[in-house]
Amino acid sequence: QVQLVESGGGLVPPGGSLRLSCVVSGRTLDGYAIGWFRQAPGGMREGVSCIMSDDGTTYYTNYVRGRFTISIDKAKNTVYLQMNSLKPEDTAVYYCYAFSYWGQGTQVTVSS
């Protein structure tokens, strides 16, 4: 059974940093793309970033490019999202997505 478990969310002030983790079990990440999405209160779920596990190609939405970095550790079957220079508008529940499965999400709140 495939499971995706996110962690690393929390409350940080504007300008702060967080690193989210997505641990995948039940299937290897080889040959797949893995993405991070987010959903703000009252908003729609939107794509943030994704990475191709085979060659490491990455994609970012314009809102986070230059501030967020996605990476993968195949040995740990884990995908990370390093988030720097966080803004209040980054506040959302962040979800990991792979193989048509979603994680449960982790809350990120940026507030002073």
C-alpha atoms as a PDB file:
ATOM      1  CA  GLN A   1       0.000   0.000   0.000  1.00  0.00           C
ATOM      2  CA  VAL A   2       1.384   3.379  -1.013  1.00  0.00           C
ATOM      3  CA  GLN A   3       1.610   6.040   1.679  1.00  0.00           C
ATOM      4  CA  LEU A   4       2.937   9.575   1.579  1.00  0.00           C
ATOM      5  CA  VAL A   5       3.596  11.247   4.922  1.00  0.00           C
ATOM      6  CA  GLU A   6       4.488  14.919   5.131  1.00  0.00           C
ATOM      7  CA  SER A   7       6.143  16.641   8.062  1.00  0.00           C
ATOM      8  CA  GLY A   8       8.034  19.800   8.881  1.00  0.00           C
ATOM      9  CA  GLY A   9       5.281  22.387   8.887  1.00  0.00           C
ATOM     10  CA  GLY A  10       4.873  24.970  11.610  1.00  0.00           C
ATOM     11  CA  LEU A  11       4.554  28.624  12.517  1.00  0.00           C
ATOM     12  CA  VAL A  12       7.315  30.959  11.357  1.00  0.00           C
ATOM     13  CA  PRO A  13       7.617  34.752  11.082  1.00  0.00           C
ATOM     14  CA  PRO A  14       7.852  36.434   7.676  1.00  0.00           C
ATOM     15  CA  GLY A  15      11.299  35.903   6.238  1.00  0.00           C
ATOM     16  CA  GLY A  16      11.719  32.614   8.052  1.00  0.00           C
ATOM     17  CA  SER A  17      12.468  29.153   6.693  1.00  0.00           C
ATOM     18  CA  LEU A  18      11.040  25.665   6.923  1.00  0.00           C
ATOM     19  CA  ARG A  19      11.948  22.339   5.365  1.00  0.00           C
ATOM     20  CA  LEU A  20       9.109  19.996   4.536  1.00  0.00           C
ATOM     21  CA  SER A  21       9.646  16.270   4.118  1.00  0.00           C
ATOM     22  CA  CYS A  22       7.552  13.706   2.281  1.00  0.00           C
ATOM     23  CA  VAL A  23       8.389  10.103   3.108  1.00  0.00           C
ATOM     24  CA  VAL A  24       7.037   7.643   0.566  1.00  0.00           C
ATOM     25  CA  SER A  25       6.419   3.999   1.383  1.00  0.00           C
ATOM     26  CA  GLY A  26       5.045   1.126  -0.648  1.00  0.00           C
ATOM     27  CA  ARG A  27       6.695   2.083  -3.941  1.00  0.00           C
ATOM     28  CA  THR A  28      10.056   3.308  -5.095  1.00  0.00           C
ATOM     29  CA  LEU A  29      10.301   6.826  -6.453  1.00  0.00           C
ATOM     30  CA  ASP A  30      12.359   5.690  -9.439  1.00  0.00           C
ATOM     31  CA  GLY A  31      10.834   6.758 -12.734  1.00  0.00           C
ATOM     32  CA  TYR A  32       8.205   9.022 -11.266  1.00  0.00           C
ATOM     33  CA  ALA A  33       7.564  12.702 -10.758  1.00  0.00           C
ATOM     34  CA  ILE A  34       6.762  13.896  -7.268  1.00  0.00           C
ATOM     35  CA  GLY A  35       5.053  17.162  -6.549  1.00  0.00           C
ATOM     36  CA  TRP A  36       4.265  19.573  -3.752  1.00  0.00           C
ATOM     37  CA  PHE A  37       0.922  21.345  -3.743  1.00  0.00           C
ATOM     38  CA  ARG A  38      -0.675  23.752  -1.305  1.00  0.00           C
ATOM     39  CA  GLN A  39      -4.127  24.882  -0.351  1.00  0.00           C
ATOM     40  CA  ALA A  40      -4.771  28.133   1.471  1.00  0.00           C
ATOM     41  CA  PRO A  41      -7.927  28.672   3.546  1.00  0.00           C
ATOM     42  CA  GLY A  42     -10.840  29.164   1.170  1.00  0.00           C
ATOM     43  CA  GLY A  43      -8.627  28.598  -1.842  1.00  0.00           C
ATOM     44  CA  MET A  44      -8.062  25.901  -4.410  1.00  0.00           C
ATOM     45  CA  ARG A  45      -5.221  23.410  -4.265  1.00  0.00           C
ATOM     46  CA  GLU A  46      -2.371  24.653  -6.445  1.00  0.00           C
ATOM     47  CA  GLY A  47       0.903  23.252  -7.632  1.00  0.00           C
ATOM     48  CA  VAL A  48       4.068  24.566  -6.002  1.00  0.00           C
ATOM     49  CA  SER A  49       6.927  22.463  -7.313  1.00  0.00           C
ATOM     50  CA  CYS A  50       7.763  19.050  -8.700  1.00  0.00           C
ATOM     51  CA  ILE A  51      10.840  16.961  -9.397  1.00  0.00           C
ATOM     52  CA  MET A  52      11.546  14.177 -11.859  1.00  0.00           C
ATOM     53  CA  SER A  53      13.182  11.370  -9.910  1.00  0.00           C
ATOM     54  CA  ASP A  54      15.237  10.014 -12.828  1.00  0.00           C
ATOM     55  CA  ASP A  55      17.155  13.136 -13.839  1.00  0.00           C
ATOM     56  CA  GLY A  56      16.361  15.611 -11.074  1.00  0.00           C
ATOM     57  CA  THR A  57      14.642  18.114 -13.346  1.00  0.00           C
ATOM     58  CA  THR A  58      12.679  20.562 -11.244  1.00  0.00           C
ATOM     59  CA  TYR A  59       9.741  22.887 -11.808  1.00  0.00           C
ATOM     60  CA  TYR A  60       8.469  25.788  -9.706  1.00  0.00           C
ATOM     61  CA  THR A  61       5.479  28.029  -9.797  1.00  0.00           C
ATOM     62  CA  ASN A  62       6.374  31.686 -10.304  1.00  0.00           C
ATOM     63  CA  TYR A  63       5.200  32.511  -6.783  1.00  0.00           C
ATOM     64  CA  VAL A  64       7.966  30.456  -5.157  1.00  0.00           C
ATOM     65  CA  ARG A  65      10.774  30.356  -7.729  1.00  0.00           C
ATOM     66  CA  GLY A  66      13.988  31.569  -6.176  1.00  0.00           C
ATOM     67  CA  ARG A  67      12.727  31.003  -2.631  1.00  0.00           C
ATOM     68  CA  PHE A  68      11.811  27.300  -2.546  1.00  0.00           C
ATOM     69  CA  THR A  69      13.998  24.336  -3.475  1.00  0.00           C
ATOM     70  CA  ILE A  70      12.747  20.808  -4.085  1.00  0.00           C
ATOM     71  CA  SER A  71      15.086  17.850  -3.732  1.00  0.00           C
ATOM     72  CA  ILE A  72      14.974  14.084  -3.522  1.00  0.00           C
ATOM     73  CA  ASP A  73      16.835  11.431  -1.554  1.00  0.00           C
ATOM     74  CA  LYS A  74      16.184   8.173  -3.353  1.00  0.00           C
ATOM     75  CA  ALA A  75      17.947   6.134  -0.680  1.00  0.00           C
ATOM     76  CA  LYS A  76      15.407   7.389   1.839  1.00  0.00           C
ATOM     77  CA  ASN A  77      12.513   7.492  -0.642  1.00  0.00           C
ATOM     78  CA  THR A  78      11.955  11.042   0.554  1.00  0.00           C
ATOM     79  CA  VAL A  79      11.272  14.344  -1.159  1.00  0.00           C
ATOM     80  CA  TYR A  80      12.039  17.666   0.500  1.00  0.00           C
ATOM     81  CA  LEU A  81      10.847  21.222   0.025  1.00  0.00           C
ATOM     82  CA  GLN A  82      13.182  23.840   1.452  1.00  0.00           C
ATOM     83  CA  MET A  83      11.242  27.067   1.870  1.00  0.00           C
ATOM     84  CA  ASN A  84      13.139  30.306   2.480  1.00  0.00           C
ATOM     85  CA  SER A  85      12.070  33.943   2.690  1.00  0.00           C
ATOM     86  CA  LEU A  86       8.590  32.866   3.624  1.00  0.00           C
ATOM     87  CA  LYS A  87       5.728  35.314   3.172  1.00  0.00           C
ATOM     88  CA  PRO A  88       2.292  35.453   4.817  1.00  0.00           C
ATOM     89  CA  GLU A  89       0.769  34.453   1.482  1.00  0.00           C
ATOM     90  CA  ASP A  90       2.658  31.147   1.687  1.00  0.00           C
ATOM     91  CA  THR A  91       0.357  30.152   4.542  1.00  0.00           C
ATOM     92  CA  ALA A  92      -1.396  26.953   3.507  1.00  0.00           C
ATOM     93  CA  VAL A  93      -1.609  23.227   4.012  1.00  0.00           C
ATOM     94  CA  TYR A  94       1.150  21.660   1.941  1.00  0.00           C
ATOM     95  CA  TYR A  95       0.581  18.284   0.298  1.00  0.00           C
ATOM     96  CA  CYS A  96       2.866  15.782  -1.344  1.00  0.00           C
ATOM     97  CA  TYR A  97       1.603  13.960  -4.467  1.00  0.00           C
ATOM     98  CA  ALA A  98       2.914  10.924  -6.320  1.00  0.00           C
ATOM     99  CA  PHE A  99       1.496   7.868  -8.143  1.00  0.00           C
ATOM    100  CA  SER A 100      -1.989   9.433  -7.908  1.00  0.00           C
ATOM    101  CA  TYR A 101      -1.738   9.412  -4.115  1.00  0.00           C
ATOM    102  CA  TRP A 102      -1.904  12.369  -1.743  1.00  0.00           C
ATOM    103  CA  GLY A 103      -0.383  12.758   1.666  1.00  0.00           C
ATOM    104  CA  GLN A 104      -2.389  14.064   4.602  1.00  0.00           C
ATOM    105  CA  GLY A 105      -0.787  17.498   4.456  1.00  0.00           C
ATOM    106  CA  THR A 106       1.247  19.637   6.822  1.00  0.00           C
ATOM    107  CA  GLN A 107       0.240  23.123   7.951  1.00  0.00           C
ATOM    108  CA  VAL A 108       2.544  26.054   7.235  1.00  0.00           C
ATOM    109  CA  THR A 109       1.662  29.369   8.860  1.00  0.00           C
ATOM    110  CA  VAL A 110       3.689  32.505   8.208  1.00  0.00           C
ATOM    111  CA  SER A 111       2.800  35.224  10.657  1.00  0.00           C
ATOM    112  CA  SER A 112       4.409  37.660  13.042  1.00  0.00           C
END
